[in-house]
Amino acid sequence: MFLNEALFTYLNSSSPESLVLNLGSGVGRFDKKIRPILRLINFDVVPNGRTHVLGDAHYLPFSDNAIDVVFSNAVLEHVQRPWVVADEIYRVVKPGGRVLVNVPFLNIIHDTHDYFRFTDKGLEILFHRFSKVAGGVSAGPSSFFGPFLVTYLSCPIADGLFKSFTRRALSFLLQPLKYLDVPLRNCADTRLIADAFYYIGVKPLT
């Protein structure tokens, strides 16, 4: 995926004193894009060596108005009730605090717990209690081509080592397709066929 950097630009503009909840921190695939000086709480439902807090995003174990920024990258498609998670995010964010979310739209099913897809308008509805600061396409249609073609072309092959090898080889060969998104960034119609969208909102002071 060739991500628009806006989400990380907003995250990294947070003051070092800000408490940032990394909601669904996973294995840290995008950690290199996050300033190490930020006070991160890595929260996930599955423990690993970098998890600070283990829990369910539907029931965040934090007090009301306790968090300055909630950052969530490619997570909400994996929760069973994203509207409940959105309400929990609103509850724990301080007035004036921000939510920064990235979610897929056109994307292959990529996990056994993969339930939802979101449009940009859908994100605005989901986080309607926040005031929108920014949002839009975070990954264009070309980012979808590679994973789609890998799955499509390997589909007729029986499960086994040969299929696994074929998928790995195709993933390597097709990876450069994502860079075709670059010249499409200023095309308004890209949102109609986007791979992913981002949303940034601020919690009202009153």
N, C-alpha and C. Protein backbone atom coordinates (compact mmCIF):
# COMPACT_ATOMS: atom_id res chain seq x y z
N MET A 1 0.85 -1.19 0.00
CA MET A 1 0.00 0.00 0.00
C MET A 1 0.89 1.25 0.00
N PHE A 2 0.58 2.19 -0.89
CA PHE A 2 1.33 3.43 -0.98
C PHE A 2 0.48 4.52 -0.32
N LEU A 3 0.74 4.77 0.97
CA LEU A 3 -0.13 5.63 1.77
C LEU A 3 0.13 7.11 1.56
N ASN A 4 -0.96 7.88 1.52
CA ASN A 4 -0.86 9.32 1.65
C ASN A 4 -0.30 9.61 3.05
N GLU A 5 0.65 10.51 3.14
CA GLU A 5 1.34 10.75 4.41
C GLU A 5 0.59 11.69 5.35
N ALA A 6 -0.58 12.20 4.93
CA ALA A 6 -1.29 13.20 5.74
C ALA A 6 -1.58 12.70 7.15
N LEU A 7 -2.00 11.46 7.26
CA LEU A 7 -2.35 10.92 8.58
C LEU A 7 -1.15 10.95 9.52
N PHE A 8 0.00 10.58 9.01
CA PHE A 8 1.20 10.55 9.84
C PHE A 8 1.74 11.96 10.10
N THR A 9 1.53 12.87 9.14
CA THR A 9 1.93 14.26 9.34
C THR A 9 1.16 14.87 10.51
N TYR A 10 -0.14 14.63 10.56
CA TYR A 10 -0.96 15.13 11.66
C TYR A 10 -0.56 14.48 12.97
N LEU A 11 -0.31 13.17 12.94
CA LEU A 11 0.10 12.47 14.16
C LEU A 11 1.42 13.02 14.69
N ASN A 12 2.37 13.17 13.81
CA ASN A 12 3.71 13.61 14.23
C ASN A 12 3.76 15.08 14.60
N SER A 13 2.70 15.83 14.30
CA SER A 13 2.65 17.24 14.72
C SER A 13 2.18 17.37 16.17
N SER A 14 1.78 16.25 16.77
CA SER A 14 1.36 16.27 18.17
C SER A 14 2.55 16.64 19.06
N SER A 15 2.28 17.36 20.13
CA SER A 15 3.36 17.73 21.05
C SER A 15 3.88 16.49 21.75
N PRO A 16 5.16 16.49 22.14
CA PRO A 16 5.74 15.33 22.84
C PRO A 16 5.02 14.98 24.14
N GLU A 17 4.31 15.97 24.71
CA GLU A 17 3.60 15.74 25.96
C GLU A 17 2.27 15.04 25.75
N SER A 18 1.80 15.01 24.51
CA SER A 18 0.50 14.41 24.20
C SER A 18 0.52 12.90 24.46
N LEU A 19 -0.57 12.41 25.01
CA LEU A 19 -0.73 10.97 25.22
C LEU A 19 -1.47 10.41 24.02
N VAL A 20 -0.81 9.53 23.28
CA VAL A 20 -1.35 9.00 22.02
C VAL A 20 -1.70 7.53 22.19
N LEU A 21 -2.96 7.21 21.96
CA LEU A 21 -3.40 5.83 21.99
C LEU A 21 -3.30 5.24 20.58
N ASN A 22 -2.40 4.29 20.41
CA ASN A 22 -2.23 3.59 19.14
C ASN A 22 -3.18 2.40 19.16
N LEU A 23 -4.38 2.63 18.66
CA LEU A 23 -5.47 1.66 18.79
C LEU A 23 -5.35 0.57 17.73
N GLY A 24 -5.01 -0.63 18.16
CA GLY A 24 -4.75 -1.72 17.24
C GLY A 24 -3.34 -1.63 16.71
N SER A 25 -2.39 -1.61 17.62
CA SER A 25 -0.99 -1.33 17.26
C SER A 25 -0.34 -2.46 16.46
N GLY A 26 -0.84 -3.68 16.60
CA GLY A 26 -0.34 -4.80 15.79
C GLY A 26 1.15 -5.04 15.97
N VAL A 27 1.79 -5.41 14.86
CA VAL A 27 3.21 -5.75 14.90
C VAL A 27 4.10 -4.54 14.58
N GLY A 28 3.47 -3.39 14.37
CA GLY A 28 4.26 -2.18 14.16
C GLY A 28 4.74 -1.98 12.75
N ARG A 29 3.92 -2.38 11.79
CA ARG A 29 4.32 -2.28 10.38
C ARG A 29 4.66 -0.84 9.98
N PHE A 30 3.95 0.14 10.56
CA PHE A 30 4.16 1.54 10.17
C PHE A 30 4.87 2.35 11.26
N ASP A 31 5.50 1.67 12.19
CA ASP A 31 6.17 2.37 13.30
C ASP A 31 7.23 3.35 12.81
N LYS A 32 7.89 3.02 11.73
CA LYS A 32 8.97 3.88 11.24
C LYS A 32 8.47 5.24 10.79
N LYS A 33 7.15 5.37 10.56
CA LYS A 33 6.57 6.64 10.15
C LYS A 33 6.17 7.51 11.35
N ILE A 34 6.27 6.95 12.56
CA ILE A 34 5.84 7.65 13.76
C ILE A 34 7.05 8.16 14.54
N ARG A 35 7.02 9.42 14.93
CA ARG A 35 8.14 10.00 15.70
C ARG A 35 8.32 9.24 17.02
N PRO A 36 9.52 8.76 17.30
CA PRO A 36 9.75 7.99 18.53
C PRO A 36 9.57 8.80 19.79
N ILE A 37 9.56 10.13 19.67
CA ILE A 37 9.44 10.99 20.84
C ILE A 37 8.01 11.01 21.39
N LEU A 38 7.03 10.57 20.60
CA LEU A 38 5.64 10.60 21.04
C LEU A 38 5.38 9.60 22.17
N ARG A 39 4.48 9.97 23.07
CA ARG A 39 4.11 9.09 24.19
C ARG A 39 3.01 8.15 23.74
N LEU A 40 3.41 7.01 23.18
CA LEU A 40 2.47 6.05 22.62
C LEU A 40 2.03 5.02 23.65
N ILE A 41 0.73 4.71 23.62
CA ILE A 41 0.19 3.54 24.32
C ILE A 41 -0.21 2.55 23.24
N ASN A 42 0.54 1.50 23.09
CA ASN A 42 0.22 0.48 22.09
C ASN A 42 -0.85 -0.45 22.65
N PHE A 43 -2.04 -0.38 22.06
CA PHE A 43 -3.21 -1.12 22.54
C PHE A 43 -3.61 -2.14 21.49
N ASP A 44 -3.81 -3.39 21.92
CA ASP A 44 -4.21 -4.41 20.96
C ASP A 44 -4.96 -5.53 21.67
N VAL A 45 -5.70 -6.29 20.87
CA VAL A 45 -6.44 -7.42 21.41
C VAL A 45 -5.57 -8.66 21.49
N VAL A 46 -4.45 -8.65 20.76
CA VAL A 46 -3.51 -9.78 20.75
C VAL A 46 -2.17 -9.29 21.29
N PRO A 47 -1.60 -9.96 22.28
CA PRO A 47 -0.33 -9.50 22.84
C PRO A 47 0.86 -9.81 21.95
N ASN A 48 1.81 -8.91 21.95
CA ASN A 48 3.12 -9.18 21.35
C ASN A 48 4.15 -8.36 22.13
N GLY A 49 5.37 -8.39 21.72
CA GLY A 49 6.43 -7.76 22.49
C GLY A 49 6.32 -6.26 22.63
N ARG A 50 5.47 -5.62 21.84
CA ARG A 50 5.37 -4.16 21.88
C ARG A 50 4.04 -3.67 22.45
N THR A 51 3.16 -4.59 22.86
CA THR A 51 1.85 -4.21 23.40
C THR A 51 1.99 -3.68 24.82
N HIS A 52 1.44 -2.48 25.07
CA HIS A 52 1.43 -1.91 26.41
C HIS A 52 0.17 -2.28 27.18
N VAL A 53 -0.96 -2.24 26.47
CA VAL A 53 -2.26 -2.53 27.10
C VAL A 53 -3.00 -3.52 26.22
N LEU A 54 -3.48 -4.58 26.85
CA LEU A 54 -4.23 -5.61 26.15
C LEU A 54 -5.72 -5.42 26.45
N GLY A 55 -6.55 -5.44 25.41
CA GLY A 55 -7.97 -5.25 25.65
C GLY A 55 -8.79 -5.25 24.38
N ASP A 56 -10.08 -4.99 24.56
CA ASP A 56 -11.07 -4.97 23.48
C ASP A 56 -11.44 -3.51 23.21
N ALA A 57 -11.32 -3.10 21.95
CA ALA A 57 -11.59 -1.70 21.59
C ALA A 57 -13.04 -1.29 21.83
N HIS A 58 -13.94 -2.27 21.95
CA HIS A 58 -15.33 -1.95 22.26
C HIS A 58 -15.50 -1.48 23.71
N TYR A 59 -14.50 -1.78 24.55
CA TYR A 59 -14.55 -1.42 25.97
C TYR A 59 -13.17 -0.91 26.39
N LEU A 60 -12.85 0.30 25.97
CA LEU A 60 -11.52 0.83 26.23
C LEU A 60 -11.31 1.05 27.73
N PRO A 61 -10.21 0.53 28.29
CA PRO A 61 -9.97 0.61 29.73
C PRO A 61 -9.30 1.92 30.15
N PHE A 62 -9.88 3.04 29.70
CA PHE A 62 -9.34 4.36 30.02
C PHE A 62 -10.47 5.26 30.52
N SER A 63 -10.10 6.21 31.34
CA SER A 63 -11.09 7.15 31.88
C SER A 63 -11.60 8.10 30.81
N ASP A 64 -12.73 8.72 31.06
CA ASP A 64 -13.26 9.75 30.16
C ASP A 64 -12.23 10.88 30.02
N ASN A 65 -12.10 11.39 28.81
CA ASN A 65 -11.25 12.56 28.55
C ASN A 65 -9.80 12.36 29.01
N ALA A 66 -9.28 11.16 28.77
CA ALA A 66 -7.93 10.85 29.27
C ALA A 66 -6.85 10.89 28.20
N ILE A 67 -7.25 10.85 26.93
CA ILE A 67 -6.30 10.68 25.83
C ILE A 67 -6.28 11.93 24.93
N ASP A 68 -5.09 12.33 24.52
CA ASP A 68 -4.98 13.50 23.63
C ASP A 68 -5.25 13.15 22.17
N VAL A 69 -4.73 12.00 21.73
CA VAL A 69 -4.87 11.59 20.33
C VAL A 69 -5.13 10.09 20.27
N VAL A 70 -6.10 9.70 19.47
CA VAL A 70 -6.30 8.28 19.15
C VAL A 70 -5.93 8.07 17.70
N PHE A 71 -4.98 7.18 17.47
CA PHE A 71 -4.50 6.85 16.13
C PHE A 71 -4.87 5.40 15.84
N SER A 72 -5.53 5.17 14.71
CA SER A 72 -5.97 3.82 14.37
C SER A 72 -5.79 3.59 12.88
N ASN A 73 -4.89 2.69 12.54
CA ASN A 73 -4.55 2.43 11.13
C ASN A 73 -4.94 1.01 10.74
N ALA A 74 -5.93 0.90 9.84
CA ALA A 74 -6.37 -0.41 9.31
C ALA A 74 -6.80 -1.34 10.44
N VAL A 75 -7.69 -0.82 11.30
CA VAL A 75 -8.16 -1.60 12.45
C VAL A 75 -9.68 -1.75 12.46
N LEU A 76 -10.40 -0.69 12.13
CA LEU A 76 -11.85 -0.70 12.32
C LEU A 76 -12.57 -1.73 11.45
N GLU A 77 -11.95 -2.17 10.38
CA GLU A 77 -12.57 -3.24 9.58
C GLU A 77 -12.57 -4.57 10.32
N HIS A 78 -11.75 -4.66 11.37
CA HIS A 78 -11.60 -5.91 12.10
C HIS A 78 -12.43 -5.97 13.39
N VAL A 79 -13.14 -4.90 13.71
CA VAL A 79 -13.99 -4.92 14.90
C VAL A 79 -15.43 -5.18 14.50
N GLN A 80 -16.16 -5.87 15.37
CA GLN A 80 -17.51 -6.30 15.01
C GLN A 80 -18.54 -5.18 15.06
N ARG A 81 -18.28 -4.15 15.86
CA ARG A 81 -19.22 -3.03 15.98
C ARG A 81 -18.44 -1.73 15.96
N PRO A 82 -18.05 -1.28 14.79
CA PRO A 82 -17.21 -0.07 14.71
C PRO A 82 -17.88 1.17 15.27
N TRP A 83 -19.19 1.23 15.25
CA TRP A 83 -19.90 2.39 15.80
C TRP A 83 -19.73 2.46 17.33
N VAL A 84 -19.62 1.30 17.97
CA VAL A 84 -19.37 1.26 19.41
C VAL A 84 -17.95 1.73 19.70
N VAL A 85 -17.00 1.27 18.88
CA VAL A 85 -15.60 1.69 19.04
C VAL A 85 -15.47 3.19 18.83
N ALA A 86 -16.19 3.73 17.84
CA ALA A 86 -16.16 5.18 17.59
C ALA A 86 -16.67 5.95 18.81
N ASP A 87 -17.71 5.45 19.46
CA ASP A 87 -18.23 6.10 20.67
C ASP A 87 -17.23 6.01 21.82
N GLU A 88 -16.54 4.88 21.91
CA GLU A 88 -15.52 4.72 22.95
C GLU A 88 -14.34 5.67 22.72
N ILE A 89 -13.97 5.83 21.46
CA ILE A 89 -12.90 6.77 21.13
C ILE A 89 -13.31 8.18 21.54
N TYR A 90 -14.54 8.55 21.22
CA TYR A 90 -15.03 9.88 21.60
C TYR A 90 -15.00 10.06 23.12
N ARG A 91 -15.37 9.03 23.84
CA ARG A 91 -15.42 9.11 25.30
C ARG A 91 -14.04 9.36 25.91
N VAL A 92 -13.02 8.66 25.41
CA VAL A 92 -11.70 8.75 26.07
C VAL A 92 -10.87 9.93 25.59
N VAL A 93 -11.23 10.52 24.44
CA VAL A 93 -10.45 11.66 23.93
C VAL A 93 -10.82 12.93 24.70
N LYS A 94 -9.81 13.70 25.03
CA LYS A 94 -10.02 14.98 25.72
C LYS A 94 -10.71 15.98 24.79
N PRO A 95 -11.49 16.91 25.32
CA PRO A 95 -11.99 18.01 24.49
C PRO A 95 -10.81 18.74 23.84
N GLY A 96 -10.90 18.93 22.54
CA GLY A 96 -9.79 19.51 21.79
C GLY A 96 -8.81 18.46 21.28
N GLY A 97 -9.00 17.21 21.72
CA GLY A 97 -8.15 16.11 21.25
C GLY A 97 -8.59 15.62 19.88
N ARG A 98 -7.78 14.76 19.30
CA ARG A 98 -8.02 14.36 17.91
C ARG A 98 -8.14 12.84 17.75
N VAL A 99 -8.85 12.46 16.70
CA VAL A 99 -8.89 11.07 16.26
C VAL A 99 -8.34 11.04 14.84
N LEU A 100 -7.46 10.07 14.58
CA LEU A 100 -6.85 9.91 13.27
C LEU A 100 -7.03 8.45 12.85
N VAL A 101 -7.79 8.25 11.78
CA VAL A 101 -8.19 6.90 11.39
C VAL A 101 -7.90 6.64 9.92
N ASN A 102 -7.42 5.45 9.63
CA ASN A 102 -7.26 5.00 8.26
C ASN A 102 -7.96 3.65 8.12
N VAL A 103 -8.79 3.50 7.07
CA VAL A 103 -9.56 2.27 6.89
C VAL A 103 -9.63 1.91 5.40
N PRO A 104 -9.84 0.63 5.09
CA PRO A 104 -9.93 0.22 3.69
C PRO A 104 -11.30 0.46 3.08
N PHE A 105 -11.31 0.65 1.77
CA PHE A 105 -12.54 0.68 0.99
C PHE A 105 -12.50 -0.49 -0.01
N LEU A 106 -11.82 -0.34 -1.14
CA LEU A 106 -11.59 -1.47 -2.03
C LEU A 106 -10.37 -2.23 -1.52
N ASN A 107 -10.57 -3.41 -1.04
CA ASN A 107 -9.48 -4.18 -0.46
C ASN A 107 -9.92 -5.62 -0.36
N ILE A 108 -8.98 -6.55 -0.52
CA ILE A 108 -9.33 -7.96 -0.38
C ILE A 108 -9.61 -8.27 1.09
N ILE A 109 -10.36 -9.33 1.34
CA ILE A 109 -10.54 -9.82 2.70
C ILE A 109 -9.18 -10.34 3.15
N HIS A 110 -8.63 -9.77 4.21
CA HIS A 110 -7.25 -10.06 4.56
C HIS A 110 -7.06 -10.62 5.96
N ASP A 111 -8.14 -11.11 6.57
CA ASP A 111 -8.02 -11.67 7.91
C ASP A 111 -9.27 -12.47 8.21
N THR A 112 -9.17 -13.41 9.14
CA THR A 112 -10.36 -14.18 9.51
C THR A 112 -11.38 -13.29 10.24
N HIS A 113 -10.89 -12.19 10.82
CA HIS A 113 -11.77 -11.22 11.47
C HIS A 113 -11.75 -9.93 10.65
N ASP A 114 -12.38 -9.97 9.51
CA ASP A 114 -12.43 -8.82 8.60
C ASP A 114 -13.89 -8.63 8.22
N TYR A 115 -14.51 -7.57 8.76
CA TYR A 115 -15.97 -7.46 8.72
C TYR A 115 -16.52 -6.31 7.88
N PHE A 116 -15.80 -5.19 7.76
CA PHE A 116 -16.40 -3.99 7.19
C PHE A 116 -15.47 -3.31 6.19
N ARG A 117 -16.09 -2.48 5.33
CA ARG A 117 -15.40 -1.55 4.44
C ARG A 117 -16.06 -0.18 4.59
N PHE A 118 -15.29 0.89 4.36
CA PHE A 118 -15.77 2.24 4.64
C PHE A 118 -15.51 3.18 3.47
N THR A 119 -16.49 4.04 3.20
CA THR A 119 -16.27 5.17 2.29
C THR A 119 -15.87 6.40 3.10
N ASP A 120 -15.45 7.46 2.42
CA ASP A 120 -15.12 8.68 3.13
C ASP A 120 -16.34 9.27 3.82
N LYS A 121 -17.49 9.20 3.16
CA LYS A 121 -18.73 9.71 3.78
C LYS A 121 -19.13 8.84 4.96
N GLY A 122 -18.89 7.54 4.85
CA GLY A 122 -19.19 6.63 5.95
C GLY A 122 -18.37 6.95 7.19
N LEU A 123 -17.11 7.32 6.98
CA LEU A 123 -16.25 7.71 8.10
C LEU A 123 -16.78 8.97 8.79
N GLU A 124 -17.26 9.92 7.99
CA GLU A 124 -17.81 11.14 8.57
C GLU A 124 -19.03 10.85 9.42
N ILE A 125 -19.84 9.91 9.00
CA ILE A 125 -21.01 9.53 9.79
C ILE A 125 -20.58 8.79 11.05
N LEU A 126 -19.62 7.89 10.91
CA LEU A 126 -19.15 7.11 12.04
C LEU A 126 -18.58 8.00 13.14
N PHE A 127 -17.89 9.07 12.74
CA PHE A 127 -17.26 9.99 13.70
C PHE A 127 -17.95 11.35 13.70
N HIS A 128 -19.28 11.33 13.57
CA HIS A 128 -20.04 12.58 13.44
C HIS A 128 -19.96 13.46 14.69
N ARG A 129 -19.62 12.88 15.82
CA ARG A 129 -19.54 13.68 17.05
C ARG A 129 -18.26 14.53 17.09
N PHE A 130 -17.31 14.21 16.25
CA PHE A 130 -16.10 15.01 16.10
C PHE A 130 -16.32 16.07 15.02
N SER A 131 -15.49 17.08 15.02
CA SER A 131 -15.48 18.06 13.93
C SER A 131 -14.38 17.66 12.96
N LYS A 132 -14.73 17.50 11.72
CA LYS A 132 -13.75 17.04 10.73
C LYS A 132 -12.68 18.11 10.49
N VAL A 133 -11.43 17.67 10.53
CA VAL A 133 -10.29 18.54 10.25
C VAL A 133 -9.75 18.27 8.85
N ALA A 134 -9.66 17.01 8.50
CA ALA A 134 -9.14 16.61 7.19
C ALA A 134 -9.60 15.19 6.90
N GLY A 135 -9.45 14.80 5.66
CA GLY A 135 -9.83 13.45 5.26
C GLY A 135 -9.75 13.30 3.76
N GLY A 136 -9.81 12.07 3.32
CA GLY A 136 -9.77 11.81 1.89
C GLY A 136 -9.14 10.47 1.58
N VAL A 137 -8.67 10.34 0.36
CA VAL A 137 -8.07 9.09 -0.11
C VAL A 137 -6.69 8.94 0.52
N SER A 138 -6.46 7.83 1.18
CA SER A 138 -5.13 7.56 1.74
C SER A 138 -4.35 6.58 0.87
N ALA A 139 -5.05 5.77 0.10
CA ALA A 139 -4.40 4.86 -0.86
C ALA A 139 -5.32 4.72 -2.07
N GLY A 140 -4.78 4.94 -3.23
CA GLY A 140 -5.58 4.92 -4.45
C GLY A 140 -5.81 3.52 -4.99
N PRO A 141 -6.47 3.42 -6.14
CA PRO A 141 -6.86 2.12 -6.70
C PRO A 141 -5.68 1.22 -7.06
N SER A 142 -4.55 1.82 -7.41
CA SER A 142 -3.39 1.00 -7.80
C SER A 142 -2.88 0.16 -6.65
N SER A 143 -3.09 0.62 -5.42
CA SER A 143 -2.68 -0.15 -4.24
C SER A 143 -3.49 -1.42 -4.09
N PHE A 144 -4.67 -1.44 -4.72
CA PHE A 144 -5.52 -2.63 -4.66
C PHE A 144 -5.13 -3.65 -5.73
N PHE A 145 -4.54 -3.20 -6.84
CA PHE A 145 -4.24 -4.10 -7.95
C PHE A 145 -3.39 -5.28 -7.54
N GLY A 146 -2.30 -5.01 -6.81
CA GLY A 146 -1.37 -6.07 -6.46
C GLY A 146 -2.01 -7.18 -5.66
N PRO A 147 -2.58 -6.88 -4.46
CA PRO A 147 -3.23 -7.93 -3.67
C PRO A 147 -4.36 -8.64 -4.41
N PHE A 148 -5.12 -7.85 -5.22
CA PHE A 148 -6.21 -8.47 -5.98
C PHE A 148 -5.67 -9.48 -6.99
N LEU A 149 -4.65 -9.09 -7.76
CA LEU A 149 -4.10 -9.96 -8.79
C LEU A 149 -3.42 -11.19 -8.19
N VAL A 150 -2.74 -11.00 -7.05
CA VAL A 150 -2.12 -12.15 -6.38
C VAL A 150 -3.18 -13.19 -6.04
N THR A 151 -4.28 -12.73 -5.45
CA THR A 151 -5.36 -13.64 -5.06
C THR A 151 -6.05 -14.24 -6.29
N TYR A 152 -6.31 -13.40 -7.28
CA TYR A 152 -7.02 -13.84 -8.48
C TYR A 152 -6.20 -14.87 -9.26
N LEU A 153 -4.94 -14.59 -9.49
CA LEU A 153 -4.11 -15.47 -10.32
C LEU A 153 -3.74 -16.77 -9.61
N SER A 154 -3.68 -16.74 -8.28
CA SER A 154 -3.33 -17.96 -7.55
C SER A 154 -4.55 -18.77 -7.15
N CYS A 155 -5.73 -18.24 -7.40
CA CYS A 155 -6.96 -18.90 -6.98
C CYS A 155 -7.12 -20.32 -7.55
N PRO A 156 -6.80 -20.57 -8.84
CA PRO A 156 -6.99 -21.93 -9.38
C PRO A 156 -5.99 -22.96 -8.85
N ILE A 157 -4.94 -22.51 -8.18
CA ILE A 157 -3.90 -23.42 -7.72
C ILE A 157 -4.32 -24.05 -6.40
N ALA A 158 -4.15 -25.35 -6.29
CA ALA A 158 -4.51 -26.06 -5.06
C ALA A 158 -3.64 -25.59 -3.91
N ASP A 159 -4.23 -25.57 -2.72
CA ASP A 159 -3.49 -25.18 -1.53
C ASP A 159 -2.27 -26.07 -1.33
N GLY A 160 -1.17 -25.46 -0.94
CA GLY A 160 0.05 -26.22 -0.73
C GLY A 160 1.26 -25.34 -0.92
N LEU A 161 2.44 -25.95 -0.94
CA LEU A 161 3.68 -25.20 -1.05
C LEU A 161 3.79 -24.43 -2.35
N PHE A 162 3.30 -25.04 -3.46
CA PHE A 162 3.41 -24.37 -4.75
C PHE A 162 2.56 -23.10 -4.77
N LYS A 163 1.38 -23.18 -4.19
CA LYS A 163 0.51 -21.99 -4.13
C LYS A 163 1.15 -20.91 -3.27
N SER A 164 1.72 -21.31 -2.14
CA SER A 164 2.38 -20.36 -1.27
C SER A 164 3.54 -19.68 -1.97
N PHE A 165 4.33 -20.46 -2.69
CA PHE A 165 5.46 -19.90 -3.45
C PHE A 165 4.96 -18.95 -4.53
N THR A 166 3.91 -19.35 -5.24
CA THR A 166 3.35 -18.52 -6.31
C THR A 166 2.87 -17.18 -5.78
N ARG A 167 2.19 -17.21 -4.64
CA ARG A 167 1.68 -15.97 -4.05
C ARG A 167 2.82 -15.04 -3.65
N ARG A 168 3.87 -15.61 -3.08
CA ARG A 168 5.02 -14.80 -2.68
C ARG A 168 5.71 -14.19 -3.89
N ALA A 169 5.85 -14.98 -4.93
CA ALA A 169 6.51 -14.48 -6.15
C ALA A 169 5.67 -13.38 -6.80
N LEU A 170 4.36 -13.60 -6.89
CA LEU A 170 3.48 -12.61 -7.48
C LEU A 170 3.47 -11.31 -6.65
N SER A 171 3.46 -11.45 -5.34
CA SER A 171 3.47 -10.27 -4.47
C SER A 171 4.72 -9.43 -4.72
N PHE A 172 5.85 -10.08 -4.89
CA PHE A 172 7.10 -9.37 -5.16
C PHE A 172 7.06 -8.68 -6.51
N LEU A 173 6.59 -9.40 -7.52
CA LEU A 173 6.59 -8.87 -8.88
C LEU A 173 5.58 -7.74 -9.08
N LEU A 174 4.45 -7.82 -8.38
CA LEU A 174 3.38 -6.85 -8.58
C LEU A 174 3.43 -5.67 -7.61
N GLN A 175 4.32 -5.71 -6.65
CA GLN A 175 4.42 -4.65 -5.66
C GLN A 175 4.58 -3.25 -6.26
N PRO A 176 5.37 -3.08 -7.33
CA PRO A 176 5.54 -1.73 -7.89
C PRO A 176 4.26 -1.09 -8.44
N LEU A 177 3.21 -1.87 -8.64
CA LEU A 177 1.96 -1.31 -9.17
C LEU A 177 1.41 -0.19 -8.28
N LYS A 178 1.70 -0.27 -6.98
CA LYS A 178 1.14 0.72 -6.05
C LYS A 178 1.61 2.14 -6.39
N TYR A 179 2.77 2.27 -7.02
CA TYR A 179 3.30 3.60 -7.32
C TYR A 179 2.53 4.29 -8.45
N LEU A 180 1.66 3.56 -9.12
CA LEU A 180 0.80 4.19 -10.12
C LEU A 180 -0.22 5.12 -9.48
N ASP A 181 -0.36 5.01 -8.15
CA ASP A 181 -1.27 5.92 -7.44
C ASP A 181 -0.76 7.36 -7.42
N VAL A 182 0.53 7.55 -7.54
CA VAL A 182 1.12 8.88 -7.40
C VAL A 182 0.52 9.88 -8.40
N PRO A 183 0.48 9.57 -9.71
CA PRO A 183 -0.09 10.57 -10.63
C PRO A 183 -1.61 10.73 -10.52
N LEU A 184 -2.26 9.87 -9.73
CA LEU A 184 -3.72 9.96 -9.59
C LEU A 184 -4.16 10.79 -8.39
N ARG A 185 -3.21 11.28 -7.61
CA ARG A 185 -3.56 11.93 -6.35
C ARG A 185 -4.41 13.18 -6.52
N ASN A 186 -4.28 13.86 -7.64
CA ASN A 186 -5.04 15.09 -7.86
C ASN A 186 -6.30 14.86 -8.69
N CYS A 187 -6.64 13.60 -8.92
CA CYS A 187 -7.84 13.26 -9.69
C CYS A 187 -9.01 13.07 -8.74
N ALA A 188 -10.06 13.87 -8.93
CA ALA A 188 -11.22 13.81 -8.03
C ALA A 188 -11.91 12.46 -8.05
N ASP A 189 -11.89 11.80 -9.20
CA ASP A 189 -12.58 10.51 -9.33
C ASP A 189 -11.86 9.37 -8.61
N THR A 190 -10.65 9.62 -8.12
CA THR A 190 -9.92 8.57 -7.42
C THR A 190 -10.70 8.07 -6.20
N ARG A 191 -11.46 8.96 -5.56
CA ARG A 191 -12.22 8.55 -4.38
C ARG A 191 -13.29 7.50 -4.71
N LEU A 192 -13.70 7.42 -5.96
CA LEU A 192 -14.72 6.44 -6.35
C LEU A 192 -14.16 5.03 -6.38
N ILE A 193 -12.85 4.92 -6.52
CA ILE A 193 -12.21 3.60 -6.65
C ILE A 193 -11.02 3.48 -5.71
N ALA A 194 -11.08 4.18 -4.59
CA ALA A 194 -9.95 4.23 -3.65
C ALA A 194 -9.76 2.89 -2.93
N ASP A 195 -8.52 2.61 -2.61
CA ASP A 195 -8.21 1.44 -1.79
C ASP A 195 -8.51 1.71 -0.32
N ALA A 196 -8.27 2.96 0.13
CA ALA A 196 -8.46 3.28 1.54
C ALA A 196 -8.73 4.78 1.72
N PHE A 197 -9.37 5.11 2.84
CA PHE A 197 -9.66 6.49 3.20
C PHE A 197 -9.13 6.79 4.60
N TYR A 198 -8.83 8.08 4.83
CA TYR A 198 -8.45 8.51 6.17
C TYR A 198 -9.40 9.61 6.63
N TYR A 199 -9.47 9.75 7.95
CA TYR A 199 -10.31 10.78 8.57
C TYR A 199 -9.57 11.34 9.78
N ILE A 200 -9.59 12.66 9.93
CA ILE A 200 -9.02 13.32 11.09
C ILE A 200 -10.07 14.25 11.67
N GLY A 201 -10.38 14.08 12.95
CA GLY A 201 -11.38 14.91 13.58
C GLY A 201 -10.92 15.40 14.94
N VAL A 202 -11.52 16.49 15.40
CA VAL A 202 -11.19 17.05 16.70
C VAL A 202 -12.46 17.03 17.57
N LYS A 203 -12.30 16.68 18.83
CA LYS A 203 -13.44 16.66 19.75
C LYS A 203 -13.75 18.08 20.19
N PRO A 204 -14.99 18.51 20.05
CA PRO A 204 -15.37 19.88 20.44
C PRO A 204 -15.01 20.18 21.90
N LEU A 205 -14.71 21.43 22.18
CA LEU A 205 -14.33 21.83 23.53
C LEU A 205 -15.52 21.81 24.47
N THR A 206 -16.72 21.99 23.93
CA THR A 206 -17.92 21.96 24.78
C THR A 206 -18.96 21.05 24.17
